[in-house]
PDB file of N, CA and C in Angstrom:
ATOM      1  N   UNK A   1       5.573 -19.445 -34.904  1.00  0.00           N
ATOM      2  CA  UNK A   1       5.192 -19.413 -33.169  1.00  0.00           C
ATOM      3  C   UNK A   1       6.463 -19.040 -32.417  1.00  0.00           C
ATOM      4  N   UNK A   2       6.071 -18.385 -31.298  1.00  0.00           N
ATOM      5  CA  UNK A   2       7.291 -18.220 -30.089  1.00  0.00           C
ATOM      6  C   UNK A   2       8.209 -17.319 -30.824  1.00  0.00           C
ATOM      7  N   UNK A   3       7.869 -16.389 -31.718  1.00  0.00           N
ATOM      8  CA  UNK A   3       8.768 -15.566 -32.162  1.00  0.00           C
ATOM      9  C   UNK A   3       8.391 -13.987 -31.907  1.00  0.00           C
ATOM     10  N   UNK A   4       9.398 -13.214 -31.913  1.00  0.00           N
ATOM     11  CA  UNK A   4       9.134 -11.987 -31.494  1.00  0.00           C
ATOM     12  C   UNK A   4       9.349 -11.009 -32.961  1.00  0.00           C
ATOM     13  N   UNK A   5       8.656 -10.287 -33.296  1.00  0.00           N
ATOM     14  CA  UNK A   5       8.547  -9.355 -34.496  1.00  0.00           C
ATOM     15  C   UNK A   5       8.192  -8.111 -34.040  1.00  0.00           C
ATOM     16  N   UNK A   6       8.928  -7.084 -34.745  1.00  0.00           N
ATOM     17  CA  UNK A   6       8.812  -5.678 -34.755  1.00  0.00           C
ATOM     18  C   UNK A   6       7.579  -5.119 -35.533  1.00  0.00           C
ATOM     19  N   UNK A   7       6.577  -4.440 -35.037  1.00  0.00           N
ATOM     20  CA  UNK A   7       5.446  -4.026 -35.652  1.00  0.00           C
ATOM     21  C   UNK A   7       5.509  -2.285 -35.963  1.00  0.00           C
ATOM     22  N   UNK A   8       5.327  -2.340 -37.232  1.00  0.00           N
ATOM     23  CA  UNK A   8       5.516  -0.903 -37.593  1.00  0.00           C
ATOM     24  C   UNK A   8       3.947  -0.409 -37.536  1.00  0.00           C
ATOM     25  N   UNK A   9       3.526   0.857 -37.049  1.00  0.00           N
ATOM     26  CA  UNK A   9       2.483   1.525 -37.078  1.00  0.00           C
ATOM     27  C   UNK A   9       1.967   1.956 -38.530  1.00  0.00           C
ATOM     28  N   UNK A  10       0.727   1.308 -39.026  1.00  0.00           N
ATOM     29  CA  UNK A  10       0.157   1.601 -39.983  1.00  0.00           C
ATOM     30  C   UNK A  10      -1.360   1.446 -39.980  1.00  0.00           C
ATOM     31  N   UNK A  11      -2.010   2.887 -39.872  1.00  0.00           N
ATOM     32  CA  UNK A  11      -3.313   2.966 -39.733  1.00  0.00           C
ATOM     33  C   UNK A  11      -4.353   2.347 -40.639  1.00  0.00           C
ATOM     34  N   UNK A  12      -3.916   2.520 -41.968  1.00  0.00           N
ATOM     35  CA  UNK A  12      -4.493   1.785 -43.003  1.00  0.00           C
ATOM     36  C   UNK A  12      -4.540   0.355 -42.995  1.00  0.00           C
ATOM     37  N   UNK A  13      -3.515  -0.221 -42.587  1.00  0.00           N
ATOM     38  CA  UNK A  13      -3.643  -1.585 -42.443  1.00  0.00           C
ATOM     39  C   UNK A  13      -4.360  -2.271 -41.202  1.00  0.00           C
ATOM     40  N   UNK A  14      -4.397  -1.402 -40.197  1.00  0.00           N
ATOM     41  CA  UNK A  14      -5.197  -1.714 -38.937  1.00  0.00           C
ATOM     42  C   UNK A  14      -6.708  -1.787 -39.503  1.00  0.00           C
ATOM     43  N   UNK A  15      -7.177  -0.710 -40.164  1.00  0.00           N
ATOM     44  CA  UNK A  15      -8.486  -0.535 -40.567  1.00  0.00           C
ATOM     45  C   UNK A  15      -9.108  -1.902 -41.352  1.00  0.00           C
ATOM     46  N   UNK A  16      -8.069  -2.710 -41.883  1.00  0.00           N
ATOM     47  CA  UNK A  16      -8.443  -3.870 -42.742  1.00  0.00           C
ATOM     48  C   UNK A  16      -8.126  -5.068 -41.921  1.00  0.00           C
ATOM     49  N   UNK A  17      -7.969  -5.121 -40.571  1.00  0.00           N
ATOM     50  CA  UNK A  17      -7.675  -6.268 -39.757  1.00  0.00           C
ATOM     51  C   UNK A  17      -6.087  -6.628 -39.966  1.00  0.00           C
ATOM     52  N   UNK A  18      -5.113  -5.784 -40.482  1.00  0.00           N
ATOM     53  CA  UNK A  18      -3.850  -6.399 -40.808  1.00  0.00           C
ATOM     54  C   UNK A  18      -2.919  -5.477 -39.741  1.00  0.00           C
ATOM     55  N   UNK A  19      -1.676  -6.222 -39.703  1.00  0.00           N
ATOM     56  CA  UNK A  19      -0.603  -5.431 -39.237  1.00  0.00           C
ATOM     57  C   UNK A  19       0.736  -5.501 -39.818  1.00  0.00           C
ATOM     58  N   UNK A  20       1.427  -4.634 -39.863  1.00  0.00           N
ATOM     59  CA  UNK A  20       2.855  -4.551 -40.528  1.00  0.00           C
ATOM     60  C   UNK A  20       3.897  -4.941 -39.826  1.00  0.00           C
ATOM     61  N   UNK A  21       4.352  -6.091 -40.236  1.00  0.00           N
ATOM     62  CA  UNK A  21       5.423  -6.770 -39.336  1.00  0.00           C
ATOM     63  C   UNK A  21       7.060  -6.752 -40.151  1.00  0.00           C
ATOM     64  N   UNK A  22       7.986  -6.543 -39.556  1.00  0.00           N
ATOM     65  CA  UNK A  22       9.155  -6.649 -39.859  1.00  0.00           C
ATOM     66  C   UNK A  22       9.579  -8.057 -39.660  1.00  0.00           C
ATOM     67  N   UNK A  23       9.777  -8.967 -40.815  1.00  0.00           N
ATOM     68  CA  UNK A  23      10.117 -10.357 -40.491  1.00  0.00           C
ATOM     69  C   UNK A  23      11.618 -10.554 -40.518  1.00  0.00           C
ATOM     70  N   UNK A  24      12.061 -11.827 -40.668  1.00  0.00           N
ATOM     71  CA  UNK A  24      13.508 -12.145 -40.364  1.00  0.00           C
ATOM     72  C   UNK A  24      14.344 -11.481 -41.618  1.00  0.00           C
ATOM     73  N   UNK A  25      13.749 -11.332 -42.622  1.00  0.00           N
ATOM     74  CA  UNK A  25      14.565 -10.778 -43.683  1.00  0.00           C
ATOM     75  C   UNK A  25      14.738  -9.248 -43.770  1.00  0.00           C
ATOM     76  N   UNK A  26      14.091  -8.666 -42.604  1.00  0.00           N
ATOM     77  CA  UNK A  26      14.382  -7.318 -42.430  1.00  0.00           C
ATOM     78  C   UNK A  26      13.446  -6.355 -43.173  1.00  0.00           C
ATOM     79  N   UNK A  27      12.646  -7.114 -43.945  1.00  0.00           N
ATOM     80  CA  UNK A  27      11.549  -6.301 -44.751  1.00  0.00           C
ATOM     81  C   UNK A  27      10.202  -6.121 -44.010  1.00  0.00           C
ATOM     82  N   UNK A  28       9.334  -5.248 -44.472  1.00  0.00           N
ATOM     83  CA  UNK A  28       8.041  -5.078 -43.739  1.00  0.00           C
ATOM     84  C   UNK A  28       6.907  -5.823 -44.621  1.00  0.00           C
ATOM     85  N   UNK A  29       6.124  -6.612 -43.956  1.00  0.00           N
ATOM     86  CA  UNK A  29       4.985  -7.065 -44.731  1.00  0.00           C
ATOM     87  C   UNK A  29       3.699  -6.917 -43.999  1.00  0.00           C
ATOM     88  N   UNK A  30       2.518  -7.078 -44.724  1.00  0.00           N
ATOM     89  CA  UNK A  30       1.292  -7.074 -44.001  1.00  0.00           C
ATOM     90  C   UNK A  30       0.847  -8.710 -43.772  1.00  0.00           C
ATOM     91  N   UNK A  31       0.208  -8.731 -42.686  1.00  0.00           N
ATOM     92  CA  UNK A  31      -0.140  -9.889 -42.009  1.00  0.00           C
ATOM     93  C   UNK A  31      -1.574  -9.796 -41.232  1.00  0.00           C
ATOM     94  N   UNK A  32      -2.176 -10.784 -41.510  1.00  0.00           N
ATOM     95  CA  UNK A  32      -3.576 -10.765 -40.610  1.00  0.00           C
ATOM     96  C   UNK A  32      -3.164 -10.611 -39.179  1.00  0.00           C
ATOM     97  N   UNK A  33      -3.905  -9.720 -38.450  1.00  0.00           N
ATOM     98  CA  UNK A  33      -3.561  -9.251 -37.229  1.00  0.00           C
ATOM     99  C   UNK A  33      -4.037 -10.332 -36.283  1.00  0.00           C
ATOM    100  N   UNK A  34      -5.037 -11.328 -36.554  1.00  0.00           N
ATOM    101  CA  UNK A  34      -5.311 -12.265 -35.750  1.00  0.00           C
ATOM    102  C   UNK A  34      -4.208 -13.228 -35.626  1.00  0.00           C
ATOM    103  N   UNK A  35      -3.419 -13.510 -36.668  1.00  0.00           N
ATOM    104  CA  UNK A  35      -2.301 -14.356 -36.630  1.00  0.00           C
ATOM    105  C   UNK A  35      -1.094 -13.958 -35.401  1.00  0.00           C
ATOM    106  N   UNK A  36      -1.518 -12.759 -34.739  1.00  0.00           N
ATOM    107  CA  UNK A  36      -0.374 -12.558 -33.765  1.00  0.00           C
ATOM    108  C   UNK A  36      -0.983 -12.186 -32.343  1.00  0.00           C
ATOM    109  N   UNK A  37      -0.164 -12.231 -31.491  1.00  0.00           N
ATOM    110  CA  UNK A  37      -0.486 -11.539 -30.143  1.00  0.00           C
ATOM    111  C   UNK A  37       0.495 -10.328 -29.932  1.00  0.00           C
ATOM    112  N   UNK A  38      -0.135  -9.491 -29.466  1.00  0.00           N
ATOM    113  CA  UNK A  38       0.781  -8.202 -29.069  1.00  0.00           C
ATOM    114  C   UNK A  38       1.086  -8.380 -27.697  1.00  0.00           C
ATOM    115  N   UNK A  39       2.363  -8.167 -27.498  1.00  0.00           N
ATOM    116  CA  UNK A  39       2.903  -8.126 -25.923  1.00  0.00           C
ATOM    117  C   UNK A  39       3.826  -6.956 -25.876  1.00  0.00           C
ATOM    118  N   UNK A  40       3.767  -6.528 -24.393  1.00  0.00           N
ATOM    119  CA  UNK A  40       4.665  -5.283 -24.090  1.00  0.00           C
ATOM    120  C   UNK A  40       5.918  -6.063 -23.495  1.00  0.00           C
ATOM    121  N   UNK A  41       7.104  -5.370 -23.533  1.00  0.00           N
ATOM    122  CA  UNK A  41       8.165  -5.998 -22.918  1.00  0.00           C
ATOM    123  C   UNK A  41       8.825  -4.690 -22.367  1.00  0.00           C
ATOM    124  N   UNK A  42       9.425  -5.175 -21.133  1.00  0.00           N
ATOM    125  CA  UNK A  42      10.211  -4.057 -20.482  1.00  0.00           C
ATOM    126  C   UNK A  42      11.354  -3.454 -21.378  1.00  0.00           C
ATOM    127  N   UNK A  43      11.824  -2.240 -21.272  1.00  0.00           N
ATOM    128  CA  UNK A  43      12.784  -1.767 -22.033  1.00  0.00           C
ATOM    129  C   UNK A  43      14.018  -2.526 -22.106  1.00  0.00           C
ATOM    130  N   UNK A  44      14.405  -3.108 -20.727  1.00  0.00           N
ATOM    131  CA  UNK A  44      15.638  -3.927 -20.814  1.00  0.00           C
ATOM    132  C   UNK A  44      15.435  -5.313 -21.570  1.00  0.00           C
ATOM    133  N   UNK A  45      14.432  -5.713 -21.602  1.00  0.00           N
ATOM    134  CA  UNK A  45      14.045  -7.048 -22.607  1.00  0.00           C
ATOM    135  C   UNK A  45      14.407  -6.637 -23.789  1.00  0.00           C
ATOM    136  N   UNK A  46      13.834  -5.780 -24.284  1.00  0.00           N
ATOM    137  CA  UNK A  46      13.698  -5.210 -25.721  1.00  0.00           C
ATOM    138  C   UNK A  46      15.184  -4.860 -26.286  1.00  0.00           C
ATOM    139  N   UNK A  47      16.024  -4.326 -25.233  1.00  0.00           N
ATOM    140  CA  UNK A  47      17.415  -3.943 -25.523  1.00  0.00           C
ATOM    141  C   UNK A  47      18.256  -5.256 -25.880  1.00  0.00           C
ATOM    142  N   UNK A  48      17.997  -6.433 -24.768  1.00  0.00           N
ATOM    143  CA  UNK A  48      18.615  -7.570 -24.911  1.00  0.00           C
ATOM    144  C   UNK A  48      18.158  -8.597 -26.225  1.00  0.00           C
ATOM    145  N   UNK A  49      16.918  -8.277 -26.589  1.00  0.00           N
ATOM    146  CA  UNK A  49      16.612  -9.034 -27.820  1.00  0.00           C
ATOM    147  C   UNK A  49      17.257  -8.369 -28.984  1.00  0.00           C
ATOM    148  N   UNK A  50      17.156  -6.973 -29.127  1.00  0.00           N
ATOM    149  CA  UNK A  50      17.847  -6.456 -30.396  1.00  0.00           C
ATOM    150  C   UNK A  50      19.222  -6.612 -30.123  1.00  0.00           C
ATOM    151  N   UNK A  51      20.240  -6.798 -29.063  1.00  0.00           N
ATOM    152  CA  UNK A  51      21.522  -6.883 -29.027  1.00  0.00           C
ATOM    153  C   UNK A  51      21.967  -8.319 -29.397  1.00  0.00           C
ATOM    154  N   UNK A  52      21.032  -9.292 -28.952  1.00  0.00           N
ATOM    155  CA  UNK A  52      21.211 -10.646 -29.477  1.00  0.00           C
ATOM    156  C   UNK A  52      21.326 -11.137 -30.948  1.00  0.00           C
ATOM    157  N   UNK A  53      20.509  -9.970 -31.752  1.00  0.00           N
ATOM    158  CA  UNK A  53      20.382 -10.121 -33.187  1.00  0.00           C
ATOM    159  C   UNK A  53      21.643  -9.333 -33.875  1.00  0.00           C
ATOM    160  N   UNK A  54      22.232  -8.683 -33.237  1.00  0.00           N
ATOM    161  CA  UNK A  54      23.341  -7.700 -33.861  1.00  0.00           C
ATOM    162  C   UNK A  54      24.383  -8.472 -34.008  1.00  0.00           C
TER     163      UNK A  54
END
């Protein structure tokens, strides 16, 4: 909860109600889409989030 994850486009996964997420390990995995809420962030916020993890 309350975490941001990068989502990779995967049309096959979406057909099955899943999304492909890059988790804390840096690997991508399939998860049920219902377990996540999609948000759109301004580019400036995205840059700050990625620079905080660098």
